[in-house]
Amino acid sequence: MKTFLSVLFMVAASLLSAQTGINTANPKATLDITAKKDLLTIDGLLPPRLTREELTLKGNNLYGAEQDGTILYITNVTGGDNLSQREYIESKGLYIFDATAGNNEGRWMCLFCYGTL
């Protein structure tokens, strides 16, 4: 029985693909999302959304080297602070975490920001 299960798992593992597709049977990358294109479907990708106050409450040590490249959308900057990792969060927009910035303390860097509160 052990041998049968081992062979079964090896065969199953060889058939699995490391690529994932959404709305596609043939993904072309690690994650391939294809639009549905029908008129009443809203297409797009929504990153996690937080206010600067909510990000401030998470502290300055939650995001580190393993979160390098994390993307967030900051919806409001009227609360919280712009200290430490949040030094460059001054307006709503899309931010990416650069773990090596700030002497390896990490900083949220603007990918696309609106420039207004």
N, C-alpha and C. Protein backbone atom coordinates (compact mmCIF):
# COMPACT_ATOMS: atom_id res chain seq x y z
N MET A 1 0.83 -1.20 0.00
CA MET A 1 0.00 0.00 0.00
C MET A 1 0.87 1.26 0.00
N LYS A 2 1.95 1.25 0.82
CA LYS A 2 2.85 2.40 0.88
C LYS A 2 3.48 2.67 -0.49
N THR A 3 3.88 1.62 -1.17
CA THR A 3 4.50 1.76 -2.49
C THR A 3 3.50 2.34 -3.48
N PHE A 4 2.27 1.85 -3.44
CA PHE A 4 1.24 2.34 -4.34
C PHE A 4 1.00 3.84 -4.14
N LEU A 5 0.89 4.27 -2.86
CA LEU A 5 0.67 5.68 -2.58
C LEU A 5 1.86 6.53 -3.01
N SER A 6 3.06 6.02 -2.81
CA SER A 6 4.26 6.76 -3.23
C SER A 6 4.28 6.96 -4.73
N VAL A 7 3.97 5.90 -5.48
CA VAL A 7 3.94 6.00 -6.93
C VAL A 7 2.83 6.96 -7.37
N LEU A 8 1.67 6.86 -6.73
CA LEU A 8 0.55 7.74 -7.06
C LEU A 8 0.92 9.21 -6.85
N PHE A 9 1.55 9.52 -5.74
CA PHE A 9 1.95 10.90 -5.46
C PHE A 9 3.01 11.39 -6.44
N MET A 10 3.96 10.54 -6.83
CA MET A 10 4.98 10.94 -7.79
C MET A 10 4.37 11.23 -9.16
N VAL A 11 3.42 10.40 -9.58
CA VAL A 11 2.75 10.63 -10.86
C VAL A 11 1.93 11.91 -10.81
N ALA A 12 1.20 12.12 -9.71
CA ALA A 12 0.39 13.33 -9.57
C ALA A 12 1.27 14.57 -9.56
N ALA A 13 2.40 14.51 -8.88
CA ALA A 13 3.31 15.66 -8.80
C ALA A 13 3.88 15.99 -10.17
N SER A 14 4.14 15.00 -11.00
CA SER A 14 4.70 15.28 -12.32
C SER A 14 3.66 15.89 -13.26
N LEU A 15 2.38 15.71 -12.97
CA LEU A 15 1.32 16.26 -13.81
C LEU A 15 0.93 17.68 -13.41
N LEU A 16 1.28 18.10 -12.20
CA LEU A 16 0.91 19.43 -11.72
C LEU A 16 1.77 20.50 -12.38
N SER A 17 1.18 21.64 -12.61
CA SER A 17 1.89 22.77 -13.21
C SER A 17 2.18 23.80 -12.12
N ALA A 18 3.32 24.47 -12.24
CA ALA A 18 3.66 25.50 -11.27
C ALA A 18 3.04 26.84 -11.63
N GLN A 19 2.29 26.88 -12.73
CA GLN A 19 1.66 28.12 -13.16
C GLN A 19 0.18 28.07 -12.85
N THR A 20 -0.37 29.22 -12.50
CA THR A 20 -1.79 29.32 -12.18
C THR A 20 -2.43 30.32 -13.11
N GLY A 21 -3.60 29.94 -13.63
CA GLY A 21 -4.32 30.83 -14.52
C GLY A 21 -5.71 31.12 -14.00
N ILE A 22 -6.15 32.34 -14.15
CA ILE A 22 -7.51 32.73 -13.82
C ILE A 22 -8.16 33.14 -15.14
N ASN A 23 -9.25 32.49 -15.48
CA ASN A 23 -9.96 32.68 -16.75
C ASN A 23 -9.13 32.23 -17.95
N THR A 24 -8.16 31.35 -17.73
CA THR A 24 -7.38 30.79 -18.83
C THR A 24 -6.96 29.37 -18.48
N ALA A 25 -6.98 28.49 -19.47
CA ALA A 25 -6.53 27.11 -19.26
C ALA A 25 -5.04 26.97 -19.53
N ASN A 26 -4.43 27.96 -20.17
CA ASN A 26 -3.01 27.90 -20.53
C ASN A 26 -2.26 29.12 -20.03
N PRO A 27 -1.96 29.18 -18.72
CA PRO A 27 -1.25 30.35 -18.18
C PRO A 27 0.12 30.52 -18.81
N LYS A 28 0.50 31.76 -19.05
CA LYS A 28 1.77 32.09 -19.69
C LYS A 28 2.82 32.60 -18.71
N ALA A 29 2.49 32.64 -17.42
CA ALA A 29 3.41 33.11 -16.38
C ALA A 29 3.01 32.46 -15.06
N THR A 30 3.73 32.75 -13.99
CA THR A 30 3.43 32.19 -12.69
C THR A 30 1.98 32.44 -12.32
N LEU A 31 1.50 33.65 -12.52
CA LEU A 31 0.09 33.99 -12.34
C LEU A 31 -0.36 34.75 -13.57
N ASP A 32 -1.30 34.18 -14.30
CA ASP A 32 -1.81 34.76 -15.54
C ASP A 32 -3.30 35.00 -15.38
N ILE A 33 -3.70 36.27 -15.34
CA ILE A 33 -5.11 36.63 -15.20
C ILE A 33 -5.59 37.19 -16.53
N THR A 34 -6.57 36.54 -17.11
CA THR A 34 -7.12 36.96 -18.39
C THR A 34 -8.49 37.61 -18.16
N ALA A 35 -8.72 38.75 -18.80
CA ALA A 35 -10.00 39.45 -18.66
C ALA A 35 -11.11 38.62 -19.28
N LYS A 36 -12.32 38.77 -18.74
CA LYS A 36 -13.48 38.06 -19.28
C LYS A 36 -14.03 38.73 -20.53
N LYS A 37 -13.87 40.02 -20.65
CA LYS A 37 -14.21 40.82 -21.82
C LYS A 37 -15.69 40.94 -22.14
N ASP A 38 -16.58 40.35 -21.32
CA ASP A 38 -18.00 40.62 -21.60
C ASP A 38 -18.37 41.97 -21.02
N LEU A 39 -19.37 42.60 -21.60
CA LEU A 39 -19.68 44.00 -21.32
C LEU A 39 -20.04 44.31 -19.88
N LEU A 40 -20.63 43.39 -19.15
CA LEU A 40 -21.10 43.68 -17.80
C LEU A 40 -20.16 43.18 -16.70
N THR A 41 -18.98 42.71 -17.08
CA THR A 41 -18.01 42.24 -16.10
C THR A 41 -16.99 43.34 -15.83
N ILE A 42 -16.76 43.60 -14.56
CA ILE A 42 -15.74 44.58 -14.18
C ILE A 42 -14.42 43.83 -14.07
N ASP A 43 -13.46 44.17 -14.92
CA ASP A 43 -12.15 43.53 -14.91
C ASP A 43 -11.16 44.40 -14.16
N GLY A 44 -10.13 43.78 -13.65
CA GLY A 44 -9.07 44.51 -12.96
C GLY A 44 -8.53 43.71 -11.80
N LEU A 45 -7.53 44.25 -11.18
CA LEU A 45 -6.89 43.63 -10.03
C LEU A 45 -6.88 44.63 -8.89
N LEU A 46 -7.43 44.25 -7.75
CA LEU A 46 -7.46 45.14 -6.59
C LEU A 46 -6.42 44.68 -5.56
N PRO A 47 -5.40 45.50 -5.31
CA PRO A 47 -4.43 45.15 -4.27
C PRO A 47 -5.06 45.42 -2.89
N PRO A 48 -4.44 44.92 -1.84
CA PRO A 48 -4.95 45.22 -0.49
C PRO A 48 -4.99 46.73 -0.27
N ARG A 49 -6.09 47.22 0.34
CA ARG A 49 -6.28 48.65 0.57
C ARG A 49 -6.28 48.94 2.07
N LEU A 50 -5.47 49.91 2.46
CA LEU A 50 -5.37 50.34 3.85
C LEU A 50 -5.29 51.85 3.90
N THR A 51 -5.65 52.42 5.05
CA THR A 51 -5.36 53.83 5.29
C THR A 51 -3.96 53.90 5.91
N ARG A 52 -3.35 55.08 5.90
CA ARG A 52 -2.05 55.22 6.55
C ARG A 52 -2.18 54.95 8.04
N GLU A 53 -3.32 55.30 8.62
CA GLU A 53 -3.54 55.03 10.04
C GLU A 53 -3.54 53.52 10.31
N GLU A 54 -4.19 52.75 9.46
CA GLU A 54 -4.20 51.29 9.64
C GLU A 54 -2.80 50.71 9.48
N LEU A 55 -2.03 51.23 8.53
CA LEU A 55 -0.65 50.77 8.35
C LEU A 55 0.21 51.17 9.54
N THR A 56 -0.02 52.36 10.09
CA THR A 56 0.72 52.82 11.28
C THR A 56 0.48 51.88 12.45
N LEU A 57 -0.76 51.43 12.62
CA LEU A 57 -1.10 50.53 13.73
C LEU A 57 -0.39 49.19 13.63
N LYS A 58 0.05 48.81 12.43
CA LYS A 58 0.78 47.56 12.25
C LYS A 58 2.22 47.67 12.77
N GLY A 59 2.69 48.88 13.04
CA GLY A 59 4.02 49.08 13.61
C GLY A 59 5.10 49.18 12.54
N ASN A 60 6.35 49.15 13.01
CA ASN A 60 7.50 49.32 12.12
C ASN A 60 8.31 48.05 11.92
N ASN A 61 7.85 46.93 12.45
CA ASN A 61 8.63 45.71 12.34
C ASN A 61 7.90 44.57 11.64
N LEU A 62 6.63 44.76 11.29
CA LEU A 62 5.87 43.68 10.66
C LEU A 62 6.39 43.37 9.26
N TYR A 63 6.72 44.41 8.49
CA TYR A 63 7.23 44.22 7.14
C TYR A 63 8.75 44.21 7.18
N GLY A 64 9.35 43.23 6.55
CA GLY A 64 10.80 43.10 6.54
C GLY A 64 11.30 42.55 5.22
N ALA A 65 12.45 41.90 5.24
CA ALA A 65 13.09 41.40 4.02
C ALA A 65 12.20 40.42 3.25
N GLU A 66 11.44 39.61 3.94
CA GLU A 66 10.58 38.63 3.27
C GLU A 66 9.38 39.29 2.58
N GLN A 67 9.07 40.54 2.92
CA GLN A 67 7.96 41.25 2.30
C GLN A 67 8.44 42.22 1.22
N ASP A 68 9.72 42.16 0.85
CA ASP A 68 10.27 43.02 -0.19
C ASP A 68 9.45 42.86 -1.46
N GLY A 69 8.91 43.96 -1.99
CA GLY A 69 8.10 43.91 -3.19
C GLY A 69 6.60 43.87 -2.93
N THR A 70 6.19 43.86 -1.67
CA THR A 70 4.76 43.87 -1.34
C THR A 70 4.12 45.15 -1.85
N ILE A 71 2.92 45.03 -2.40
CA ILE A 71 2.21 46.19 -2.94
C ILE A 71 0.93 46.43 -2.13
N LEU A 72 0.69 47.69 -1.77
CA LEU A 72 -0.52 48.12 -1.08
C LEU A 72 -1.09 49.36 -1.76
N TYR A 73 -2.37 49.57 -1.58
CA TYR A 73 -2.99 50.81 -2.02
C TYR A 73 -3.40 51.58 -0.76
N ILE A 74 -2.83 52.75 -0.57
CA ILE A 74 -3.17 53.59 0.58
C ILE A 74 -4.33 54.49 0.17
N THR A 75 -5.44 54.38 0.89
CA THR A 75 -6.66 55.09 0.51
C THR A 75 -6.81 56.46 1.15
N ASN A 76 -6.10 56.70 2.28
CA ASN A 76 -6.30 57.95 3.02
C ASN A 76 -5.06 58.18 3.88
N VAL A 77 -4.54 59.39 3.90
CA VAL A 77 -3.35 59.69 4.70
C VAL A 77 -3.61 60.71 5.81
N THR A 78 -4.86 60.97 6.13
CA THR A 78 -5.15 61.98 7.16
C THR A 78 -4.85 61.48 8.56
N GLY A 79 -4.77 60.18 8.78
CA GLY A 79 -4.45 59.62 10.09
C GLY A 79 -3.09 58.96 10.06
N GLY A 80 -2.69 58.43 11.20
CA GLY A 80 -1.40 57.76 11.29
C GLY A 80 -0.26 58.75 11.20
N ASP A 81 0.94 58.24 10.94
CA ASP A 81 2.11 59.11 10.83
C ASP A 81 2.96 58.69 9.64
N ASN A 82 3.92 59.58 9.30
CA ASN A 82 4.84 59.25 8.22
C ASN A 82 6.25 59.08 8.78
N LEU A 83 6.35 58.32 9.85
CA LEU A 83 7.63 58.02 10.47
C LEU A 83 8.13 56.66 10.01
N SER A 84 9.42 56.44 10.10
CA SER A 84 10.04 55.15 9.83
C SER A 84 9.67 54.62 8.45
N GLN A 85 9.10 53.43 8.38
CA GLN A 85 8.78 52.80 7.09
C GLN A 85 7.77 53.60 6.29
N ARG A 86 6.99 54.44 6.93
CA ARG A 86 5.95 55.22 6.25
C ARG A 86 6.42 56.62 5.87
N GLU A 87 7.71 56.86 5.92
CA GLU A 87 8.29 58.18 5.67
C GLU A 87 7.80 58.82 4.37
N TYR A 88 7.62 58.04 3.32
CA TYR A 88 7.26 58.59 2.01
C TYR A 88 5.78 58.45 1.68
N ILE A 89 4.96 58.05 2.63
CA ILE A 89 3.52 57.96 2.37
C ILE A 89 2.90 59.31 2.69
N GLU A 90 2.72 60.12 1.64
CA GLU A 90 2.20 61.47 1.81
C GLU A 90 0.90 61.72 1.07
N SER A 91 0.49 60.78 0.22
CA SER A 91 -0.76 60.93 -0.52
C SER A 91 -1.32 59.54 -0.82
N LYS A 92 -2.57 59.51 -1.19
CA LYS A 92 -3.15 58.21 -1.52
C LYS A 92 -2.51 57.70 -2.80
N GLY A 93 -2.48 56.37 -2.92
CA GLY A 93 -1.89 55.80 -4.12
C GLY A 93 -1.35 54.40 -3.89
N LEU A 94 -0.66 53.91 -4.89
CA LEU A 94 -0.11 52.56 -4.91
C LEU A 94 1.33 52.62 -4.41
N TYR A 95 1.65 51.80 -3.41
CA TYR A 95 2.98 51.79 -2.80
C TYR A 95 3.57 50.38 -2.83
N ILE A 96 4.90 50.32 -2.95
CA ILE A 96 5.63 49.06 -2.92
C ILE A 96 6.63 49.11 -1.76
N PHE A 97 6.82 47.98 -1.08
CA PHE A 97 7.74 47.95 0.05
C PHE A 97 9.13 47.61 -0.44
N ASP A 98 10.10 48.50 -0.15
CA ASP A 98 11.50 48.29 -0.48
C ASP A 98 12.23 47.97 0.81
N ALA A 99 12.53 46.70 1.01
CA ALA A 99 13.11 46.23 2.27
C ALA A 99 14.53 46.74 2.51
N THR A 100 15.24 47.16 1.47
CA THR A 100 16.62 47.60 1.65
C THR A 100 16.74 49.11 1.86
N ALA A 101 15.68 49.85 1.66
CA ALA A 101 15.72 51.30 1.86
C ALA A 101 15.82 51.64 3.34
N GLY A 102 16.28 52.82 3.64
CA GLY A 102 16.37 53.26 5.04
C GLY A 102 17.31 52.40 5.85
N ASN A 103 18.52 52.15 5.32
CA ASN A 103 19.51 51.30 6.02
C ASN A 103 18.94 49.94 6.38
N ASN A 104 18.25 49.34 5.43
CA ASN A 104 17.64 48.01 5.58
C ASN A 104 16.50 47.96 6.59
N GLU A 105 15.99 49.12 6.97
CA GLU A 105 14.80 49.15 7.83
C GLU A 105 13.55 48.96 6.98
N GLY A 106 13.64 49.38 5.72
CA GLY A 106 12.53 49.26 4.79
C GLY A 106 11.72 50.54 4.72
N ARG A 107 11.21 50.84 3.53
CA ARG A 107 10.36 52.00 3.31
C ARG A 107 9.28 51.65 2.29
N TRP A 108 8.11 52.26 2.46
CA TRP A 108 7.05 52.18 1.47
C TRP A 108 7.34 53.26 0.44
N MET A 109 7.49 52.87 -0.82
CA MET A 109 7.83 53.79 -1.90
C MET A 109 6.64 53.91 -2.85
N CYS A 110 6.41 55.11 -3.35
CA CYS A 110 5.28 55.37 -4.22
C CYS A 110 5.51 54.75 -5.60
N LEU A 111 4.55 53.96 -6.04
CA LEU A 111 4.54 53.47 -7.43
C LEU A 111 3.73 54.42 -8.29
N PHE A 112 2.57 54.80 -7.79
CA PHE A 112 1.70 55.77 -8.47
C PHE A 112 0.89 56.46 -7.41
N CYS A 113 1.17 57.72 -7.19
CA CYS A 113 0.49 58.48 -6.14
C CYS A 113 -0.19 59.69 -6.74
N TYR A 114 -1.24 60.14 -6.10
CA TYR A 114 -2.05 61.22 -6.62
C TYR A 114 -1.54 62.61 -6.24
N GLY A 115 -0.67 62.71 -5.24
CA GLY A 115 -0.09 63.98 -4.87
C GLY A 115 -1.00 64.89 -4.07
N THR A 116 -2.18 64.42 -3.72
CA THR A 116 -3.08 65.22 -2.87
C THR A 116 -3.60 64.32 -1.76
N LEU A 117 -4.08 64.95 -0.70
CA LEU A 117 -4.65 64.18 0.39
C LEU A 117 -5.99 63.68 -0.04
